[in-house]
Amino acid sequence: MSLPQFTDIISLSNLEISDAIIETENKLFTLRFKKATRQNLKSHEIKHTKRQLAQLKTLLTIRLESLEQTEQINK
């Protein structure tokens, strides 16, 4: 499993990104819970999930900022 790529999520819509953020946060919670209870897990999955979550949030923030700028220009 390679690290998630930013180019994979650029084609998603804002609603799909929001849904993916919720899914990723739930997955991260599950992985952390497994780690705390000493269950079987691949430790690199935590790193990959955190990175994917950061990428999703970054992309959503960039898009929302660009929408705000276009709304301010149109006023």
PDB file of N, CA and C in Angstrom:
ATOM      1  N   MET A   1       0.847  -1.184   0.000  1.00  0.00           N
ATOM      2  CA  MET A   1       0.000   0.000   0.000  1.00  0.00           C
ATOM      3  C   MET A   1       0.883   1.235   0.000  1.00  0.00           C
ATOM      4  N   SER A   2       0.684   2.070  -0.994  1.00  0.00           N
ATOM      5  CA  SER A   2       1.475   3.287  -1.058  1.00  0.00           C
ATOM      6  C   SER A   2       0.737   4.416  -0.359  1.00  0.00           C
ATOM      7  N   LEU A   3       1.449   5.506  -0.148  1.00  0.00           N
ATOM      8  CA  LEU A   3       0.830   6.670   0.480  1.00  0.00           C
ATOM      9  C   LEU A   3      -0.238   7.237  -0.438  1.00  0.00           C
ATOM     10  N   PRO A   4      -1.327   7.751   0.117  1.00  0.00           N
ATOM     11  CA  PRO A   4      -2.375   8.330  -0.717  1.00  0.00           C
ATOM     12  C   PRO A   4      -1.869   9.556  -1.472  1.00  0.00           C
ATOM     13  N   GLN A   5      -2.359   9.713  -2.687  1.00  0.00           N
ATOM     14  CA  GLN A   5      -1.922  10.807  -3.534  1.00  0.00           C
ATOM     15  C   GLN A   5      -2.984  11.906  -3.581  1.00  0.00           C
ATOM     16  N   PHE A   6      -2.514  13.137  -3.595  1.00  0.00           N
ATOM     17  CA  PHE A   6      -3.401  14.296  -3.641  1.00  0.00           C
ATOM     18  C   PHE A   6      -4.168  14.338  -4.956  1.00  0.00           C
ATOM     19  N   THR A   7      -3.542  13.876  -6.025  1.00  0.00           N
ATOM     20  CA  THR A   7      -4.187  13.918  -7.342  1.00  0.00           C
ATOM     21  C   THR A   7      -5.397  12.994  -7.418  1.00  0.00           C
ATOM     22  N   ASP A   8      -5.474  12.001  -6.524  1.00  0.00           N
ATOM     23  CA  ASP A   8      -6.598  11.071  -6.538  1.00  0.00           C
ATOM     24  C   ASP A   8      -7.896  11.725  -6.059  1.00  0.00           C
ATOM     25  N   ILE A   9      -7.788  12.766  -5.245  1.00  0.00           N
ATOM     26  CA  ILE A   9      -8.994  13.353  -4.657  1.00  0.00           C
ATOM     27  C   ILE A   9      -9.408  14.678  -5.299  1.00  0.00           C
ATOM     28  N   ILE A  10      -8.614  15.192  -6.209  1.00  0.00           N
ATOM     29  CA  ILE A  10      -8.924  16.488  -6.822  1.00  0.00           C
ATOM     30  C   ILE A  10     -10.225  16.433  -7.619  1.00  0.00           C
ATOM     31  N   SER A  11     -10.542  15.301  -8.217  1.00  0.00           N
ATOM     32  CA  SER A  11     -11.727  15.197  -9.066  1.00  0.00           C
ATOM     33  C   SER A  11     -13.026  15.062  -8.272  1.00  0.00           C
ATOM     34  N   LEU A  12     -12.955  14.930  -6.950  1.00  0.00           N
ATOM     35  CA  LEU A  12     -14.157  14.785  -6.134  1.00  0.00           C
ATOM     36  C   LEU A  12     -14.876  16.115  -5.964  1.00  0.00           C
ATOM     37  N   SER A  13     -16.189  16.049  -5.792  1.00  0.00           N
ATOM     38  CA  SER A  13     -16.966  17.263  -5.525  1.00  0.00           C
ATOM     39  C   SER A  13     -16.836  17.605  -4.042  1.00  0.00           C
ATOM     40  N   ASN A  14     -17.300  18.799  -3.682  1.00  0.00           N
ATOM     41  CA  ASN A  14     -17.214  19.233  -2.287  1.00  0.00           C
ATOM     42  C   ASN A  14     -18.017  18.322  -1.365  1.00  0.00           C
ATOM     43  N   LEU A  15     -19.173  17.868  -1.821  1.00  0.00           N
ATOM     44  CA  LEU A  15     -19.998  16.971  -1.010  1.00  0.00           C
ATOM     45  C   LEU A  15     -19.311  15.621  -0.823  1.00  0.00           C
ATOM     46  N   GLU A  16     -18.699  15.109  -1.878  1.00  0.00           N
ATOM     47  CA  GLU A  16     -17.967  13.840  -1.782  1.00  0.00           C
ATOM     48  C   GLU A  16     -16.763  13.976  -0.855  1.00  0.00           C
ATOM     49  N   ILE A  17     -16.116  15.125  -0.884  1.00  0.00           N
ATOM     50  CA  ILE A  17     -14.973  15.370   0.003  1.00  0.00           C
ATOM     51  C   ILE A  17     -15.440  15.384   1.452  1.00  0.00           C
ATOM     52  N   SER A  18     -16.566  16.032   1.719  1.00  0.00           N
ATOM     53  CA  SER A  18     -17.099  16.071   3.082  1.00  0.00           C
ATOM     54  C   SER A  18     -17.432  14.667   3.586  1.00  0.00           C
ATOM     55  N   ASP A  19     -18.040  13.864   2.722  1.00  0.00           N
ATOM     56  CA  ASP A  19     -18.343  12.483   3.092  1.00  0.00           C
ATOM     57  C   ASP A  19     -17.059  11.683   3.339  1.00  0.00           C
ATOM     58  N   ALA A  20     -16.055  11.905   2.497  1.00  0.00           N
ATOM     59  CA  ALA A  20     -14.785  11.198   2.655  1.00  0.00           C
ATOM     60  C   ALA A  20     -14.087  11.611   3.945  1.00  0.00           C
ATOM     61  N   ILE A  21     -14.224  12.872   4.337  1.00  0.00           N
ATOM     62  CA  ILE A  21     -13.630  13.341   5.591  1.00  0.00           C
ATOM     63  C   ILE A  21     -14.256  12.603   6.770  1.00  0.00           C
ATOM     64  N   ILE A  22     -15.576  12.477   6.754  1.00  0.00           N
ATOM     65  CA  ILE A  22     -16.263  11.772   7.844  1.00  0.00           C
ATOM     66  C   ILE A  22     -15.836  10.309   7.896  1.00  0.00           C
ATOM     67  N   GLU A  23     -15.775   9.661   6.735  1.00  0.00           N
ATOM     68  CA  GLU A  23     -15.342   8.266   6.675  1.00  0.00           C
ATOM     69  C   GLU A  23     -13.913   8.105   7.199  1.00  0.00           C
ATOM     70  N   THR A  24     -13.036   9.005   6.789  1.00  0.00           N
ATOM     71  CA  THR A  24     -11.635   8.924   7.177  1.00  0.00           C
ATOM     72  C   THR A  24     -11.467   9.160   8.673  1.00  0.00           C
ATOM     73  N   GLU A  25     -12.228  10.100   9.230  1.00  0.00           N
ATOM     74  CA  GLU A  25     -12.165  10.332  10.672  1.00  0.00           C
ATOM     75  C   GLU A  25     -12.631   9.103  11.444  1.00  0.00           C
ATOM     76  N   ASN A  26     -13.684   8.448  10.952  1.00  0.00           N
ATOM     77  CA  ASN A  26     -14.157   7.219  11.595  1.00  0.00           C
ATOM     78  C   ASN A  26     -13.122   6.106  11.502  1.00  0.00           C
ATOM     79  N   LYS A  27     -12.476   5.992  10.345  1.00  0.00           N
ATOM     80  CA  LYS A  27     -11.444   4.976  10.164  1.00  0.00           C
ATOM     81  C   LYS A  27     -10.269   5.242  11.101  1.00  0.00           C
ATOM     82  N   LEU A  28      -9.887   6.507  11.241  1.00  0.00           N
ATOM     83  CA  LEU A  28      -8.784   6.869  12.131  1.00  0.00           C
ATOM     84  C   LEU A  28      -9.140   6.543  13.579  1.00  0.00           C
ATOM     85  N   PHE A  29     -10.380   6.819  13.970  1.00  0.00           N
ATOM     86  CA  PHE A  29     -10.829   6.497  15.323  1.00  0.00           C
ATOM     87  C   PHE A  29     -10.726   4.997  15.567  1.00  0.00           C
ATOM     88  N   THR A  30     -11.175   4.211  14.587  1.00  0.00           N
ATOM     89  CA  THR A  30     -11.122   2.761  14.719  1.00  0.00           C
ATOM     90  C   THR A  30      -9.685   2.267  14.849  1.00  0.00           C
ATOM     91  N   LEU A  31      -8.797   2.825  14.036  1.00  0.00           N
ATOM     92  CA  LEU A  31      -7.389   2.412  14.099  1.00  0.00           C
ATOM     93  C   LEU A  31      -6.772   2.767  15.444  1.00  0.00           C
ATOM     94  N   ARG A  32      -7.069   3.963  15.946  1.00  0.00           N
ATOM     95  CA  ARG A  32      -6.535   4.363  17.250  1.00  0.00           C
ATOM     96  C   ARG A  32      -7.089   3.487  18.364  1.00  0.00           C
ATOM     97  N   PHE A  33      -8.364   3.112  18.232  1.00  0.00           N
ATOM     98  CA  PHE A  33      -8.985   2.245  19.225  1.00  0.00           C
ATOM     99  C   PHE A  33      -8.324   0.875  19.214  1.00  0.00           C
ATOM    100  N   LYS A  34      -8.052   0.353  18.015  1.00  0.00           N
ATOM    101  CA  LYS A  34      -7.356  -0.932  17.896  1.00  0.00           C
ATOM    102  C   LYS A  34      -5.971  -0.863  18.530  1.00  0.00           C
ATOM    103  N   LYS A  35      -5.285   0.234  18.303  1.00  0.00           N
ATOM    104  CA  LYS A  35      -3.946   0.397  18.872  1.00  0.00           C
ATOM    105  C   LYS A  35      -4.016   0.432  20.397  1.00  0.00           C
ATOM    106  N   ALA A  36      -4.987   1.160  20.934  1.00  0.00           N
ATOM    107  CA  ALA A  36      -5.108   1.291  22.382  1.00  0.00           C
ATOM    108  C   ALA A  36      -5.478  -0.029  23.045  1.00  0.00           C
ATOM    109  N   THR A  37      -6.236  -0.865  22.355  1.00  0.00           N
ATOM    110  CA  THR A  37      -6.646  -2.149  22.917  1.00  0.00           C
ATOM    111  C   THR A  37      -5.720  -3.288  22.492  1.00  0.00           C
ATOM    112  N   ARG A  38      -4.620  -2.918  21.873  1.00  0.00           N
ATOM    113  CA  ARG A  38      -3.585  -3.872  21.449  1.00  0.00           C
ATOM    114  C   ARG A  38      -4.108  -4.963  20.521  1.00  0.00           C
ATOM    115  N   GLN A  39      -4.984  -4.579  19.632  1.00  0.00           N
ATOM    116  CA  GLN A  39      -5.475  -5.506  18.615  1.00  0.00           C
ATOM    117  C   GLN A  39      -4.525  -5.479  17.427  1.00  0.00           C
ATOM    118  N   ASN A  40      -4.716  -6.445  16.542  1.00  0.00           N
ATOM    119  CA  ASN A  40      -3.882  -6.508  15.347  1.00  0.00           C
ATOM    120  C   ASN A  40      -4.153  -5.320  14.434  1.00  0.00           C
ATOM    121  N   LEU A  41      -3.100  -4.630  14.026  1.00  0.00           N
ATOM    122  CA  LEU A  41      -3.228  -3.575  13.034  1.00  0.00           C
ATOM    123  C   LEU A  41      -1.864  -3.312  12.422  1.00  0.00           C
ATOM    124  N   LYS A  42      -1.913  -2.744  11.250  1.00  0.00           N
ATOM    125  CA  LYS A  42      -0.686  -2.347  10.567  1.00  0.00           C
ATOM    126  C   LYS A  42      -0.440  -0.893  10.934  1.00  0.00           C
ATOM    127  N   SER A  43       0.652  -0.634  11.590  1.00  0.00           N
ATOM    128  CA  SER A  43       0.895   0.700  12.145  1.00  0.00           C
ATOM    129  C   SER A  43       0.979   1.785  11.078  1.00  0.00           C
ATOM    130  N   HIS A  44       1.374   1.437   9.875  1.00  0.00           N
ATOM    131  CA  HIS A  44       1.474   2.451   8.822  1.00  0.00           C
ATOM    132  C   HIS A  44       0.103   2.952   8.378  1.00  0.00           C
ATOM    133  N   GLU A  45      -0.958   2.186   8.653  1.00  0.00           N
ATOM    134  CA  GLU A  45      -2.291   2.621   8.267  1.00  0.00           C
ATOM    135  C   GLU A  45      -2.707   3.895   8.990  1.00  0.00           C
ATOM    136  N   ILE A  46      -2.241   4.064  10.222  1.00  0.00           N
ATOM    137  CA  ILE A  46      -2.554   5.281  10.966  1.00  0.00           C
ATOM    138  C   ILE A  46      -1.939   6.487  10.260  1.00  0.00           C
ATOM    139  N   LYS A  47      -0.681   6.351   9.871  1.00  0.00           N
ATOM    140  CA  LYS A  47       0.010   7.440   9.173  1.00  0.00           C
ATOM    141  C   LYS A  47      -0.686   7.769   7.854  1.00  0.00           C
ATOM    142  N   HIS A  48      -1.045   6.751   7.089  1.00  0.00           N
ATOM    143  CA  HIS A  48      -1.685   6.964   5.800  1.00  0.00           C
ATOM    144  C   HIS A  48      -3.058   7.613   5.971  1.00  0.00           C
ATOM    145  N   THR A  49      -3.786   7.191   6.983  1.00  0.00           N
ATOM    146  CA  THR A  49      -5.119   7.734   7.214  1.00  0.00           C
ATOM    147  C   THR A  49      -5.041   9.190   7.650  1.00  0.00           C
ATOM    148  N   LYS A  50      -4.093   9.502   8.513  1.00  0.00           N
ATOM    149  CA  LYS A  50      -3.916  10.892   8.951  1.00  0.00           C
ATOM    150  C   LYS A  50      -3.539  11.781   7.771  1.00  0.00           C
ATOM    151  N   ARG A  51      -2.684  11.277   6.899  1.00  0.00           N
ATOM    152  CA  ARG A  51      -2.272  12.058   5.733  1.00  0.00           C
ATOM    153  C   ARG A  51      -3.443  12.275   4.776  1.00  0.00           C
ATOM    154  N   GLN A  52      -4.236  11.226   4.573  1.00  0.00           N
ATOM    155  CA  GLN A  52      -5.387  11.351   3.696  1.00  0.00           C
ATOM    156  C   GLN A  52      -6.392  12.353   4.262  1.00  0.00           C
ATOM    157  N   LEU A  53      -6.594  12.334   5.565  1.00  0.00           N
ATOM    158  CA  LEU A  53      -7.498  13.277   6.204  1.00  0.00           C
ATOM    159  C   LEU A  53      -7.011  14.712   6.024  1.00  0.00           C
ATOM    160  N   ALA A  54      -5.724  14.924   6.184  1.00  0.00           N
ATOM    161  CA  ALA A  54      -5.154  16.259   6.000  1.00  0.00           C
ATOM    162  C   ALA A  54      -5.309  16.725   4.558  1.00  0.00           C
ATOM    163  N   GLN A  55      -5.122  15.835   3.605  1.00  0.00           N
ATOM    164  CA  GLN A  55      -5.270  16.197   2.202  1.00  0.00           C
ATOM    165  C   GLN A  55      -6.712  16.578   1.875  1.00  0.00           C
ATOM    166  N   LEU A  56      -7.647  15.802   2.393  1.00  0.00           N
ATOM    167  CA  LEU A  56      -9.060  16.097   2.150  1.00  0.00           C
ATOM    168  C   LEU A  56      -9.451  17.445   2.739  1.00  0.00           C
ATOM    169  N   LYS A  57      -9.020  17.704   3.974  1.00  0.00           N
ATOM    170  CA  LYS A  57      -9.356  18.970   4.620  1.00  0.00           C
ATOM    171  C   LYS A  57      -8.705  20.147   3.915  1.00  0.00           C
ATOM    172  N   THR A  58      -7.479  19.965   3.450  1.00  0.00           N
ATOM    173  CA  THR A  58      -6.779  21.022   2.727  1.00  0.00           C
ATOM    174  C   THR A  58      -7.498  21.361   1.427  1.00  0.00           C
ATOM    175  N   LEU A  59      -7.874  20.341   0.676  1.00  0.00           N
ATOM    176  CA  LEU A  59      -8.562  20.566  -0.591  1.00  0.00           C
ATOM    177  C   LEU A  59      -9.902  21.255  -0.369  1.00  0.00           C
ATOM    178  N   LEU A  60     -10.643  20.842   0.641  1.00  0.00           N
ATOM    179  CA  LEU A  60     -11.929  21.464   0.929  1.00  0.00           C
ATOM    180  C   LEU A  60     -11.746  22.927   1.338  1.00  0.00           C
ATOM    181  N   THR A  61     -10.743  23.210   2.137  1.00  0.00           N
ATOM    182  CA  THR A  61     -10.458  24.587   2.558  1.00  0.00           C
ATOM    183  C   THR A  61     -10.099  25.461   1.362  1.00  0.00           C
ATOM    184  N   ILE A  62      -9.272  24.951   0.480  1.00  0.00           N
ATOM    185  CA  ILE A  62      -8.873  25.713  -0.713  1.00  0.00           C
ATOM    186  C   ILE A  62     -10.089  26.034  -1.567  1.00  0.00           C
ATOM    187  N   ARG A  63     -10.941  25.040  -1.762  1.00  0.00           N
ATOM    188  CA  ARG A  63     -12.130  25.267  -2.590  1.00  0.00           C
ATOM    189  C   ARG A  63     -13.080  26.270  -1.948  1.00  0.00           C
ATOM    190  N   LEU A  64     -13.291  26.170  -0.645  1.00  0.00           N
ATOM    191  CA  LEU A  64     -14.194  27.098   0.032  1.00  0.00           C
ATOM    192  C   LEU A  64     -13.647  28.520   0.017  1.00  0.00           C
ATOM    193  N   GLU A  65     -12.337  28.667   0.164  1.00  0.00           N
ATOM    194  CA  GLU A  65     -11.730  29.995   0.089  1.00  0.00           C
ATOM    195  C   GLU A  65     -11.887  30.598  -1.300  1.00  0.00           C
ATOM    196  N   SER A  66     -11.736  29.784  -2.329  1.00  0.00           N
ATOM    197  CA  SER A  66     -11.886  30.307  -3.689  1.00  0.00           C
ATOM    198  C   SER A  66     -13.342  30.705  -3.957  1.00  0.00           C
ATOM    199  N   LEU A  67     -14.293  29.953  -3.386  1.00  0.00           N
ATOM    200  CA  LEU A  67     -15.700  30.331  -3.524  1.00  0.00           C
ATOM    201  C   LEU A  67     -15.987  31.654  -2.838  1.00  0.00           C
ATOM    202  N   GLU A  68     -15.418  31.848  -1.655  1.00  0.00           N
ATOM    203  CA  GLU A  68     -15.613  33.110  -0.932  1.00  0.00           C
ATOM    204  C   GLU A  68     -15.032  34.277  -1.717  1.00  0.00           C
ATOM    205  N   GLN A  69     -13.874  34.080  -2.319  1.00  0.00           N
ATOM    206  CA  GLN A  69     -13.241  35.149  -3.088  1.00  0.00           C
ATOM    207  C   GLN A  69     -14.086  35.507  -4.302  1.00  0.00           C
ATOM    208  N   THR A  70     -14.643  34.517  -4.979  1.00  0.00           N
ATOM    209  CA  THR A  70     -15.470  34.805  -6.149  1.00  0.00           C
ATOM    210  C   THR A  70     -16.759  35.509  -5.740  1.00  0.00           C
ATOM    211  N   GLU A  71     -17.308  35.162  -4.562  1.00  0.00           N
ATOM    212  CA  GLU A  71     -18.509  35.844  -4.081  1.00  0.00           C
ATOM    213  C   GLU A  71     -18.216  37.303  -3.732  1.00  0.00           C
ATOM    214  N   GLN A  72     -17.039  37.559  -3.166  1.00  0.00           N
ATOM    215  CA  GLN A  72     -16.676  38.932  -2.819  1.00  0.00           C
ATOM    216  C   GLN A  72     -16.443  39.764  -4.070  1.00  0.00           C
ATOM    217  N   ILE A  73     -15.898  39.175  -5.099  1.00  0.00           N
ATOM    218  CA  ILE A  73     -15.655  39.888  -6.355  1.00  0.00           C
ATOM    219  C   ILE A  73     -16.982  40.221  -7.032  1.00  0.00           C
ATOM    220  N   ASN A  74     -17.938  39.317  -6.943  1.00  0.00           N
ATOM    221  CA  ASN A  74     -19.237  39.514  -7.596  1.00  0.00           C
ATOM    222  C   ASN A  74     -20.110  40.538  -6.871  1.00  0.00           C
ATOM    223  N   LYS A  75     -19.804  40.888  -5.655  1.00  0.00           N
ATOM    224  CA  LYS A  75     -20.622  41.860  -4.902  1.00  0.00           C
ATOM    225  C   LYS A  75     -20.425  43.250  -5.389  1.00  0.00           C
TER     226      LYS A  75
END
